[in-house]
Every structure is written in structure tokens, then in C-alpha cells.
Amino acid sequence: MPCRICGGPLPVGTTGRPRTYCAAACRRSCELEIRRLDRRLGDLEERQAELRMSTVHVWGDDPKRLQAEIKRVRARLRELLGAGAPEPTVTR
């Protein structure tokens, strides 16, 4: 299994859990990206909620494009966190 960030080979340890990152720099880079994506997802979901409640739509706020971006950010977060579970479906 390669490093989640750079794709490089992982050092093989003799004990403990298998490593996920090849170096501390890759682990730190992943942590920063997770934080950035989490903030981005919060902003997108907030904008989506405002869009649903608003009767006046701002030019450029395309609900389909917004939903696609939310889906993309969630998928990347799942990838970084190592959760390969499919995205939950929301029924209304």
C-alpha cells in the first residue's frame, strides 16, 4: 500500500500498525488538507442551505454544481481518512 499523499513506498516496520504515510511531512500535509476540506465542506453546505431557503438566487449559484462540489469534497475527505464507505443517500 503506497503513501496516501505522495504515493511513495511505506517503510516496513516489524511491530505495531502498518504505516499510512511515508514521512512526517506527508502526515502533516494530510492533516492540513483534511482541515481545509472540512472548512470548505462547511461553507458549501451552508451556501446550499441558504440557497434552499432563498427565493432570490444569486447568479452563479447553480444547485447542481454546488451539489457536485460537495460530493467531490466528501469523496476526497473519505479518501484521506481511509474510509472507503459509500456516500450516504439522503431521502426527503
C-alpha atoms as a PDB file:
ATOM      1  CA  MET A   1       0.000   0.000   0.000  1.00  0.00           C
ATOM      2  CA  PRO A   2       1.527   3.352  -1.006  1.00  0.00           C
ATOM      3  CA  CYS A   3       1.610   6.596   0.998  1.00  0.00           C
ATOM      4  CA  ARG A   4      -1.804   8.326   0.906  1.00  0.00           C
ATOM      5  CA  ILE A   5      -0.281  11.677  -0.026  1.00  0.00           C
ATOM      6  CA  CYS A   6       2.742  11.175  -2.288  1.00  0.00           C
ATOM      7  CA  GLY A   7       2.202   7.586  -3.381  1.00  0.00           C
ATOM      8  CA  GLY A   8       5.714   6.643  -2.306  1.00  0.00           C
ATOM      9  CA  PRO A   9       6.610   3.316  -0.699  1.00  0.00           C
ATOM     10  CA  LEU A  10       5.939   2.921   3.007  1.00  0.00           C
ATOM     11  CA  PRO A  11       8.705   1.875   5.381  1.00  0.00           C
ATOM     12  CA  VAL A  12       8.073  -1.632   6.690  1.00  0.00           C
ATOM     13  CA  GLY A  13       8.030  -1.900  10.449  1.00  0.00           C
ATOM     14  CA  THR A  14       8.444  -5.086  12.429  1.00  0.00           C
ATOM     15  CA  THR A  15       5.855  -4.267  15.086  1.00  0.00           C
ATOM     16  CA  GLY A  16       2.749  -2.145  15.501  1.00  0.00           C
ATOM     17  CA  ARG A  17       0.214  -0.955  12.996  1.00  0.00           C
ATOM     18  CA  PRO A  18       1.081  -0.680   9.331  1.00  0.00           C
ATOM     19  CA  ARG A  19       2.142   2.836   8.389  1.00  0.00           C
ATOM     20  CA  THR A  20      -0.119   5.095   6.356  1.00  0.00           C
ATOM     21  CA  TYR A  21       2.364   7.833   5.416  1.00  0.00           C
ATOM     22  CA  CYS A  22       5.978   7.563   4.328  1.00  0.00           C
ATOM     23  CA  ALA A  23       7.148  10.549   6.401  1.00  0.00           C
ATOM     24  CA  ALA A  24       6.033  13.093   8.975  1.00  0.00           C
ATOM     25  CA  ALA A  25       5.792  15.721   6.219  1.00  0.00           C
ATOM     26  CA  CYS A  26       3.193  13.632   4.356  1.00  0.00           C
ATOM     27  CA  ARG A  27       1.225  13.061   7.578  1.00  0.00           C
ATOM     28  CA  ARG A  28       1.232  16.802   8.302  1.00  0.00           C
ATOM     29  CA  SER A  29       0.236  17.612   4.729  1.00  0.00           C
ATOM     30  CA  CYS A  30      -2.713  15.231   5.054  1.00  0.00           C
ATOM     31  CA  GLU A  31      -3.801  16.832   8.345  1.00  0.00           C
ATOM     32  CA  LEU A  32      -3.746  20.288   6.776  1.00  0.00           C
ATOM     33  CA  GLU A  33      -5.686  19.123   3.724  1.00  0.00           C
ATOM     34  CA  ILE A  34      -8.324  17.481   5.932  1.00  0.00           C
ATOM     35  CA  ARG A  35      -8.786  20.734   7.858  1.00  0.00           C
ATOM     36  CA  ARG A  36      -9.022  22.744   4.630  1.00  0.00           C
ATOM     37  CA  LEU A  37     -11.545  20.341   3.110  1.00  0.00           C
ATOM     38  CA  ASP A  38     -13.606  20.300   6.304  1.00  0.00           C
ATOM     39  CA  ARG A  39     -13.882  24.108   6.253  1.00  0.00           C
ATOM     40  CA  ARG A  40     -14.692  24.053   2.530  1.00  0.00           C
ATOM     41  CA  LEU A  41     -17.411  21.449   3.060  1.00  0.00           C
ATOM     42  CA  GLY A  42     -18.947  23.517   5.857  1.00  0.00           C
ATOM     43  CA  ASP A  43     -19.003  26.611   3.653  1.00  0.00           C
ATOM     44  CA  LEU A  44     -20.547  24.705   0.742  1.00  0.00           C
ATOM     45  CA  GLU A  45     -23.237  23.121   2.906  1.00  0.00           C
ATOM     46  CA  GLU A  46     -24.054  26.494   4.441  1.00  0.00           C
ATOM     47  CA  ARG A  47     -24.380  28.044   0.983  1.00  0.00           C
ATOM     48  CA  GLN A  48     -26.568  25.123  -0.098  1.00  0.00           C
ATOM     49  CA  ALA A  49     -28.875  25.649   2.902  1.00  0.00           C
ATOM     50  CA  GLU A  50     -29.103  29.372   2.168  1.00  0.00           C
ATOM     51  CA  LEU A  51     -29.880  28.600  -1.459  1.00  0.00           C
ATOM     52  CA  ARG A  52     -32.722  26.274  -0.456  1.00  0.00           C
ATOM     53  CA  MET A  53     -34.260  28.896   1.836  1.00  0.00           C
ATOM     54  CA  SER A  54     -33.843  31.850  -0.507  1.00  0.00           C
ATOM     55  CA  THR A  55     -36.325  32.909  -3.134  1.00  0.00           C
ATOM     56  CA  VAL A  56     -33.765  35.143  -4.852  1.00  0.00           C
ATOM     57  CA  HIS A  57     -30.873  33.260  -6.434  1.00  0.00           C
ATOM     58  CA  VAL A  58     -27.532  34.913  -6.923  1.00  0.00           C
ATOM     59  CA  TRP A  59     -26.064  34.491 -10.373  1.00  0.00           C
ATOM     60  CA  GLY A  60     -23.533  31.689 -10.293  1.00  0.00           C
ATOM     61  CA  ASP A  61     -25.203  29.681  -7.531  1.00  0.00           C
ATOM     62  CA  ASP A  62     -26.111  26.614  -9.541  1.00  0.00           C
ATOM     63  CA  PRO A  63     -27.605  23.973  -7.192  1.00  0.00           C
ATOM     64  CA  LYS A  64     -26.358  21.083  -9.340  1.00  0.00           C
ATOM     65  CA  ARG A  65     -22.827  22.441  -9.493  1.00  0.00           C
ATOM     66  CA  LEU A  66     -22.893  23.108  -5.753  1.00  0.00           C
ATOM     67  CA  GLN A  67     -24.047  19.535  -5.048  1.00  0.00           C
ATOM     68  CA  ALA A  68     -21.351  18.140  -7.333  1.00  0.00           C
ATOM     69  CA  GLU A  69     -18.669  20.120  -5.469  1.00  0.00           C
ATOM     70  CA  ILE A  70     -19.999  18.895  -2.104  1.00  0.00           C
ATOM     71  CA  LYS A  71     -19.854  15.327  -3.372  1.00  0.00           C
ATOM     72  CA  ARG A  72     -16.279  15.809  -4.628  1.00  0.00           C
ATOM     73  CA  VAL A  73     -15.080  17.284  -1.325  1.00  0.00           C
ATOM     74  CA  ARG A  74     -16.750  14.496   0.692  1.00  0.00           C
ATOM     75  CA  ALA A  75     -15.140  11.851  -1.517  1.00  0.00           C
ATOM     76  CA  ARG A  76     -11.673  13.368  -1.025  1.00  0.00           C
ATOM     77  CA  LEU A  77     -12.217  13.557   2.736  1.00  0.00           C
ATOM     78  CA  ARG A  78     -13.235   9.884   2.823  1.00  0.00           C
ATOM     79  CA  GLU A  79     -10.145   9.020   0.789  1.00  0.00           C
ATOM     80  CA  LEU A  80      -7.833  10.901   3.158  1.00  0.00           C
ATOM     81  CA  LEU A  81      -9.473   9.458   6.248  1.00  0.00           C
ATOM     82  CA  GLY A  82      -9.274   5.951   4.850  1.00  0.00           C
ATOM     83  CA  ALA A  83     -12.996   5.342   4.964  1.00  0.00           C
ATOM     84  CA  GLY A  84     -13.960   3.638   1.736  1.00  0.00           C
ATOM     85  CA  ALA A  85     -17.634   3.571   2.657  1.00  0.00           C
ATOM     86  CA  PRO A  86     -20.045   4.877   0.030  1.00  0.00           C
ATOM     87  CA  GLU A  87     -21.649   8.278   0.489  1.00  0.00           C
ATOM     88  CA  PRO A  88     -24.912   8.055   2.435  1.00  0.00           C
ATOM     89  CA  THR A  89     -28.059   8.786   0.497  1.00  0.00           C
ATOM     90  CA  VAL A  90     -30.403  11.417   1.868  1.00  0.00           C
ATOM     91  CA  THR A  91     -34.115  10.795   1.460  1.00  0.00           C
ATOM     92  CA  ARG A  92     -36.646  13.562   1.816  1.00  0.00           C
END
